[in-house]
C-alpha atoms as a PDB file:
ATOM      1  CA  MET A   1       3.402 -34.633  33.690  1.00  0.00           C
ATOM      2  CA  THR A   2       4.793 -33.665  30.294  1.00  0.00           C
ATOM      3  CA  PRO A   3       4.017 -30.001  29.585  1.00  0.00           C
ATOM      4  CA  ASP A   4       1.791 -29.205  26.613  1.00  0.00           C
ATOM      5  CA  ILE A   5       3.979 -27.179  24.259  1.00  0.00           C
ATOM      6  CA  SER A   6       1.708 -27.372  21.218  1.00  0.00           C
ATOM      7  CA  GLN A   7       0.181 -23.928  21.744  1.00  0.00           C
ATOM      8  CA  PRO A   8       3.516 -22.062  22.030  1.00  0.00           C
ATOM      9  CA  LYS A   9       4.626 -23.769  18.822  1.00  0.00           C
ATOM     10  CA  GLN A  10       1.484 -22.529  17.083  1.00  0.00           C
ATOM     11  CA  VAL A  11       2.090 -19.025  18.351  1.00  0.00           C
ATOM     12  CA  ARG A  12       5.700 -19.081  17.161  1.00  0.00           C
ATOM     13  CA  LYS A  13       4.671 -20.341  13.749  1.00  0.00           C
ATOM     14  CA  LYS A  14       2.067 -17.621  13.430  1.00  0.00           C
ATOM     15  CA  ASN A  15       4.524 -14.944  14.529  1.00  0.00           C
ATOM     16  CA  ARG A  16       7.203 -16.253  12.186  1.00  0.00           C
ATOM     17  CA  LYS A  17       4.820 -16.070   9.242  1.00  0.00           C
ATOM     18  CA  GLN A  18       3.965 -12.486  10.097  1.00  0.00           C
ATOM     19  CA  GLU A  19       7.649 -11.647  10.480  1.00  0.00           C
ATOM     20  CA  ILE A  20       8.329 -13.010   6.997  1.00  0.00           C
ATOM     21  CA  ILE A  21       5.492 -10.939   5.545  1.00  0.00           C
ATOM     22  CA  GLN A  22       6.645  -7.809   7.369  1.00  0.00           C
ATOM     23  CA  ILE A  23      10.272  -8.009   6.273  1.00  0.00           C
ATOM     24  CA  SER A  24       9.141  -8.899   2.751  1.00  0.00           C
ATOM     25  CA  LEU A  25       6.992  -5.762   2.637  1.00  0.00           C
ATOM     26  CA  GLU A  26      10.035  -3.681   3.547  1.00  0.00           C
ATOM     27  CA  LEU A  27      12.123  -5.417   0.879  1.00  0.00           C
ATOM     28  CA  LEU A  28       9.305  -4.907  -1.614  1.00  0.00           C
ATOM     29  CA  GLN A  29       9.266  -1.188  -0.835  1.00  0.00           C
ATOM     30  CA  THR A  30      13.018  -0.722  -1.195  1.00  0.00           C
ATOM     31  CA  GLN A  31      14.066  -3.309  -3.789  1.00  0.00           C
ATOM     32  CA  GLY A  32      10.945  -4.307  -5.707  1.00  0.00           C
ATOM     33  CA  TYR A  33       9.310  -7.721  -5.936  1.00  0.00           C
ATOM     34  CA  GLU A  34      11.646  -9.092  -8.565  1.00  0.00           C
ATOM     35  CA  ASN A  35      14.836  -8.014  -6.813  1.00  0.00           C
ATOM     36  CA  PHE A  36      14.524  -9.551  -3.365  1.00  0.00           C
ATOM     37  CA  SER A  37      15.019 -13.227  -2.631  1.00  0.00           C
ATOM     38  CA  TYR A  38      14.360 -15.752   0.087  1.00  0.00           C
ATOM     39  CA  GLN A  39      18.045 -15.393   0.931  1.00  0.00           C
ATOM     40  CA  ASP A  40      17.460 -11.700   1.701  1.00  0.00           C
ATOM     41  CA  ILE A  41      14.599 -12.642   4.028  1.00  0.00           C
ATOM     42  CA  SER A  42      16.694 -15.394   5.601  1.00  0.00           C
ATOM     43  CA  SER A  43      19.571 -12.999   6.293  1.00  0.00           C
ATOM     44  CA  ALA A  44      17.301 -10.295   7.708  1.00  0.00           C
ATOM     45  CA  LEU A  45      15.486 -12.636  10.102  1.00  0.00           C
ATOM     46  CA  GLY A  46      18.328 -15.020  10.896  1.00  0.00           C
ATOM     47  CA  ILE A  47      16.353 -18.068   9.801  1.00  0.00           C
ATOM     48  CA  THR A  48      16.870 -20.747   7.174  1.00  0.00           C
ATOM     49  CA  LYS A  49      15.351 -20.554   3.718  1.00  0.00           C
ATOM     50  CA  ALA A  50      13.627 -23.843   4.532  1.00  0.00           C
ATOM     51  CA  SER A  51      11.705 -22.008   7.264  1.00  0.00           C
ATOM     52  CA  ILE A  52      10.459 -19.517   4.690  1.00  0.00           C
ATOM     53  CA  HIS A  53       9.517 -22.251   2.218  1.00  0.00           C
ATOM     54  CA  TYR A  54       7.539 -23.940   5.006  1.00  0.00           C
ATOM     55  CA  HIS A  55       5.159 -20.980   5.095  1.00  0.00           C
ATOM     56  CA  PHE A  56       5.459 -19.898   1.467  1.00  0.00           C
ATOM     57  CA  PRO A  57       6.519 -22.780  -0.818  1.00  0.00           C
ATOM     58  CA  LYS A  58       6.840 -20.459  -3.837  1.00  0.00           C
ATOM     59  CA  LYS A  59       7.571 -16.780  -4.094  1.00  0.00           C
ATOM     60  CA  GLU A  60       4.213 -16.174  -5.737  1.00  0.00           C
ATOM     61  CA  ASP A  61       2.609 -17.586  -2.561  1.00  0.00           C
ATOM     62  CA  LEU A  62       4.479 -14.917  -0.658  1.00  0.00           C
ATOM     63  CA  GLY A  63       3.438 -12.351  -3.258  1.00  0.00           C
ATOM     64  CA  LEU A  64      -0.229 -13.179  -2.692  1.00  0.00           C
ATOM     65  CA  ALA A  65       0.300 -12.858   1.055  1.00  0.00           C
ATOM     66  CA  LEU A  66       1.864  -9.430   0.497  1.00  0.00           C
ATOM     67  CA  CYS A  67      -1.167  -8.356  -1.545  1.00  0.00           C
ATOM     68  CA  GLY A  68      -3.366  -9.605   1.288  1.00  0.00           C
ATOM     69  CA  ALA A  69      -1.374  -7.610   3.851  1.00  0.00           C
ATOM     70  CA  ILE A  70      -1.598  -4.435   1.760  1.00  0.00           C
ATOM     71  CA  LYS A  71      -5.339  -4.882   1.300  1.00  0.00           C
ATOM     72  CA  GLN A  72      -5.815  -5.411   5.035  1.00  0.00           C
ATOM     73  CA  TRP A  73      -3.929  -2.183   5.693  1.00  0.00           C
ATOM     74  CA  HIS A  74      -6.239  -0.470   3.207  1.00  0.00           C
ATOM     75  CA  GLU A  75      -9.323  -2.050   4.753  1.00  0.00           C
ATOM     76  CA  ASP A  76      -8.424  -0.906   8.255  1.00  0.00           C
ATOM     77  CA  LEU A  77      -7.683   2.653   7.125  1.00  0.00           C
ATOM     78  CA  PHE A  78     -10.643   2.993   4.773  1.00  0.00           C
ATOM     79  CA  LEU A  79     -13.128   1.547   7.242  1.00  0.00           C
ATOM     80  CA  ASN A  80     -11.977   3.900   9.982  1.00  0.00           C
ATOM     81  CA  LEU A  81     -12.267   6.901   7.671  1.00  0.00           C
ATOM     82  CA  ARG A  82     -15.661   5.916   6.264  1.00  0.00           C
ATOM     83  CA  ASP A  83     -17.050   5.547   9.785  1.00  0.00           C
ATOM     84  CA  SER A  84     -15.538   8.801  11.005  1.00  0.00           C
ATOM     85  CA  ASP A  85     -17.089  12.263  11.223  1.00  0.00           C
ATOM     86  CA  HIS A  86     -14.190  13.820   9.327  1.00  0.00           C
ATOM     87  CA  SER A  87     -14.874  16.072   6.386  1.00  0.00           C
ATOM     88  CA  ALA A  88     -14.100  14.681   2.946  1.00  0.00           C
ATOM     89  CA  LYS A  89     -11.059  16.945   2.744  1.00  0.00           C
ATOM     90  CA  ASP A  90      -9.759  15.656   6.064  1.00  0.00           C
ATOM     91  CA  LYS A  91     -10.355  12.061   4.980  1.00  0.00           C
ATOM     92  CA  LEU A  92      -8.151  12.662   1.950  1.00  0.00           C
ATOM     93  CA  ARG A  93      -5.549  14.377   4.118  1.00  0.00           C
ATOM     94  CA  ILE A  94      -5.443  11.453   6.553  1.00  0.00           C
ATOM     95  CA  PHE A  95      -5.218   9.008   3.641  1.00  0.00           C
ATOM     96  CA  VAL A  96      -2.257  10.923   2.202  1.00  0.00           C
ATOM     97  CA  GLU A  97      -0.529  11.169   5.587  1.00  0.00           C
ATOM     98  CA  ALA A  98      -1.002   7.428   6.163  1.00  0.00           C
ATOM     99  CA  LEU A  99       0.414   6.609   2.734  1.00  0.00           C
ATOM    100  CA  LEU A 100       3.401   8.891   3.265  1.00  0.00           C
ATOM    101  CA  SER A 101       3.998   7.346   6.674  1.00  0.00           C
ATOM    102  CA  TYR A 102       3.814   3.830   5.204  1.00  0.00           C
ATOM    103  CA  ALA A 103       6.433   4.779   2.620  1.00  0.00           C
ATOM    104  CA  GLU A 104       8.612   6.690   5.086  1.00  0.00           C
ATOM    105  CA  GLY A 105      12.268   5.707   5.106  1.00  0.00           C
ATOM    106  CA  PRO A 106      15.322   5.748   2.833  1.00  0.00           C
ATOM    107  CA  TYR A 107      14.419   4.769  -0.751  1.00  0.00           C
ATOM    108  CA  LYS A 108      11.026   3.440   0.295  1.00  0.00           C
ATOM    109  CA  VAL A 109       7.989   3.630  -1.951  1.00  0.00           C
ATOM    110  CA  CYS A 110       4.342   2.626  -1.652  1.00  0.00           C
ATOM    111  CA  PRO A 111       4.275  -1.207  -1.748  1.00  0.00           C
ATOM    112  CA  LEU A 112       1.412  -1.185  -4.243  1.00  0.00           C
ATOM    113  CA  SER A 113       3.416   1.125  -6.518  1.00  0.00           C
ATOM    114  CA  SER A 114       6.353  -1.238  -6.226  1.00  0.00           C
ATOM    115  CA  LEU A 115       4.233  -4.161  -7.411  1.00  0.00           C
ATOM    116  CA  GLN A 116       2.846  -2.056 -10.253  1.00  0.00           C
ATOM    117  CA  ALA A 117       6.378  -1.185 -11.372  1.00  0.00           C
ATOM    118  CA  ASP A 118       7.214  -4.896 -11.622  1.00  0.00           C
ATOM    119  CA  VAL A 119       3.969  -5.865 -13.342  1.00  0.00           C
ATOM    120  CA  ALA A 120       5.694  -7.183 -16.495  1.00  0.00           C
ATOM    121  CA  LYS A 121       7.691  -9.623 -14.365  1.00  0.00           C
ATOM    122  CA  LEU A 122       4.994 -10.712 -11.910  1.00  0.00           C
ATOM    123  CA  PRO A 123       3.577 -14.238 -12.137  1.00  0.00           C
ATOM    124  CA  ASP A 124       0.123 -14.373 -13.692  1.00  0.00           C
ATOM    125  CA  THR A 125      -1.384 -15.507 -10.395  1.00  0.00           C
ATOM    126  CA  LEU A 126      -0.600 -12.106  -8.844  1.00  0.00           C
ATOM    127  CA  LEU A 127      -2.275  -9.966 -11.504  1.00  0.00           C
ATOM    128  CA  PRO A 128      -5.891 -10.410 -10.282  1.00  0.00           C
ATOM    129  CA  ALA A 129      -4.816  -9.556  -6.726  1.00  0.00           C
ATOM    130  CA  LEU A 130      -2.960  -6.477  -7.964  1.00  0.00           C
ATOM    131  CA  GLN A 131      -5.950  -5.342 -10.045  1.00  0.00           C
ATOM    132  CA  ASP A 132      -8.163  -5.795  -6.998  1.00  0.00           C
ATOM    133  CA  LEU A 133      -5.833  -3.622  -4.912  1.00  0.00           C
ATOM    134  CA  ASP A 134      -5.864  -0.898  -7.556  1.00  0.00           C
ATOM    135  CA  ARG A 135      -9.668  -0.866  -7.710  1.00  0.00           C
ATOM    136  CA  HIS A 136      -9.950  -0.962  -3.934  1.00  0.00           C
ATOM    137  CA  GLU A 137      -7.784   2.116  -3.477  1.00  0.00           C
ATOM    138  CA  LEU A 138      -9.277   4.089  -6.369  1.00  0.00           C
ATOM    139  CA  ASP A 139     -12.840   3.277  -5.304  1.00  0.00           C
ATOM    140  CA  PHE A 140     -12.178   4.668  -1.836  1.00  0.00           C
ATOM    141  CA  VAL A 141     -10.628   7.908  -3.114  1.00  0.00           C
ATOM    142  CA  SER A 142     -13.424   8.242  -5.679  1.00  0.00           C
ATOM    143  CA  GLN A 143     -16.071   7.858  -2.969  1.00  0.00           C
ATOM    144  CA  VAL A 144     -14.431  10.531  -0.818  1.00  0.00           C
ATOM    145  CA  LEU A 145     -14.124  12.911  -3.766  1.00  0.00           C
ATOM    146  CA  GLU A 146     -17.770  12.446  -4.692  1.00  0.00           C
ATOM    147  CA  GLU A 147     -18.780  12.921  -1.057  1.00  0.00           C
ATOM    148  CA  GLY A 148     -16.831  16.175  -0.998  1.00  0.00           C
ATOM    149  CA  ARG A 149     -18.380  17.349  -4.250  1.00  0.00           C
ATOM    150  CA  GLN A 150     -21.887  16.589  -2.995  1.00  0.00           C
ATOM    151  CA  ASN A 151     -21.410  18.556   0.216  1.00  0.00           C
ATOM    152  CA  GLY A 152     -19.682  21.483  -1.489  1.00  0.00           C
ATOM    153  CA  GLU A 153     -16.123  20.897  -0.263  1.00  0.00           C
ATOM    154  CA  PHE A 154     -14.784  20.064  -3.730  1.00  0.00           C
ATOM    155  CA  HIS A 155     -15.577  21.539  -7.121  1.00  0.00           C
ATOM    156  CA  PHE A 156     -14.060  19.617 -10.000  1.00  0.00           C
ATOM    157  CA  PRO A 157     -15.310  18.736 -13.466  1.00  0.00           C
ATOM    158  CA  GLY A 158     -15.903  15.260 -14.804  1.00  0.00           C
ATOM    159  CA  ASP A 159     -16.039  11.811 -13.294  1.00  0.00           C
ATOM    160  CA  ALA A 160     -14.935  11.244  -9.685  1.00  0.00           C
ATOM    161  CA  GLN A 161     -13.219   7.978 -10.637  1.00  0.00           C
ATOM    162  CA  ALA A 162     -11.076   9.751 -13.233  1.00  0.00           C
ATOM    163  CA  GLN A 163     -10.291  12.481 -10.716  1.00  0.00           C
ATOM    164  CA  ALA A 164      -9.306   9.800  -8.192  1.00  0.00           C
ATOM    165  CA  SER A 165      -6.889   8.339 -10.741  1.00  0.00           C
ATOM    166  CA  ILE A 166      -5.255  11.738 -11.236  1.00  0.00           C
ATOM    167  CA  PHE A 167      -5.031  12.241  -7.478  1.00  0.00           C
ATOM    168  CA  VAL A 168      -3.510   8.829  -6.680  1.00  0.00           C
ATOM    169  CA  LEU A 169      -1.137   8.739  -9.646  1.00  0.00           C
ATOM    170  CA  SER A 170       0.133  12.253  -8.929  1.00  0.00           C
ATOM    171  CA  LEU A 171       0.732  11.432  -5.282  1.00  0.00           C
ATOM    172  CA  LYS A 172       2.562   8.194  -6.009  1.00  0.00           C
ATOM    173  CA  GLY A 173       4.529   9.776  -8.822  1.00  0.00           C
ATOM    174  CA  ALA A 174       5.720  12.410  -6.358  1.00  0.00           C
ATOM    175  CA  LEU A 175       6.730   9.626  -3.977  1.00  0.00           C
ATOM    176  CA  GLN A 176       8.826   8.054  -6.730  1.00  0.00           C
ATOM    177  CA  TYR A 177      10.512  11.372  -7.519  1.00  0.00           C
ATOM    178  CA  SER A 178      11.197  11.960  -3.837  1.00  0.00           C
ATOM    179  CA  ARG A 179      13.329   8.799  -3.768  1.00  0.00           C
ATOM    180  CA  ILE A 180      15.754  10.590  -6.079  1.00  0.00           C
ATOM    181  CA  HIS A 181      15.310  14.276  -5.369  1.00  0.00           C
ATOM    182  CA  GLY A 182      14.195  14.294  -1.733  1.00  0.00           C
ATOM    183  CA  GLY A 183      10.951  14.873   0.106  1.00  0.00           C
ATOM    184  CA  GLU A 184      10.565  18.462  -1.128  1.00  0.00           C
ATOM    185  CA  TRP A 185       8.807  17.011  -4.168  1.00  0.00           C
ATOM    186  CA  ILE A 186       5.794  16.008  -2.099  1.00  0.00           C
ATOM    187  CA  SER A 187       4.454  19.307  -0.764  1.00  0.00           C
ATOM    188  CA  PRO A 188       4.116  21.199  -4.099  1.00  0.00           C
ATOM    189  CA  VAL A 189       2.289  18.243  -5.638  1.00  0.00           C
ATOM    190  CA  LEU A 190      -0.173  18.138  -2.738  1.00  0.00           C
ATOM    191  CA  GLN A 191      -0.768  21.878  -3.122  1.00  0.00           C
ATOM    192  CA  GLN A 192      -1.492  21.471  -6.828  1.00  0.00           C
ATOM    193  CA  LEU A 193      -3.855  18.586  -6.145  1.00  0.00           C
ATOM    194  CA  ASP A 194      -5.729  20.718  -3.636  1.00  0.00           C
ATOM    195  CA  GLN A 195      -6.065  23.502  -6.194  1.00  0.00           C
ATOM    196  CA  LEU A 196      -7.248  21.019  -8.779  1.00  0.00           C
ATOM    197  CA  LEU A 197     -10.014  19.809  -6.472  1.00  0.00           C
ATOM    198  CA  GLN A 198     -11.112  23.395  -5.875  1.00  0.00           C
ATOM    199  CA  ALA A 199     -11.355  24.105  -9.611  1.00  0.00           C
ATOM    200  CA  SER A 200     -14.663  25.466 -10.799  1.00  0.00           C
ATOM    201  CA  SER A 201     -16.981  22.921 -12.348  1.00  0.00           C
ATOM    202  CA  THR A 202     -18.507  25.566 -14.636  1.00  0.00           C
END
């Protein structure tokens, strides 16, 4: 009897697609969307460019898949934190630690920040996905900040969404600086953010 090899082929195809997305995320974090090519992916994985085009005919198809992977990472983290018994302050701390871990490595940066830096060069089809990612992240941080303000953990003036923007932009700006000046840029920024959240609302 001829063995049925259709299922292993499906598994390999699925794994290959995930491998392409994973290596592309790393290239995105270190080189930026505009600066990595299918040849870079091909060399890293030891596969032909035709194999990459099979899964992602155009680079913007790959770009959309990268946005999807980032959002799934967000979804998993945010859902776990929303359903947890952690304090609002601890939720923010875990979020920061997860982001720092995701960007850990030589010259790495948050993949969302990398896409934002290349926004002028991104195909139009990626802009809605990028805007959705921005809102998704800011909405989560805003919700946690408002939760903390309601239960007395945080005291800050103004709108929680604006405060979330300051928090996220400061954190990611520090990540960018750390690529040049080293990780010592991160800790003082986090301390200042903590002080900012404790500021009197009166």
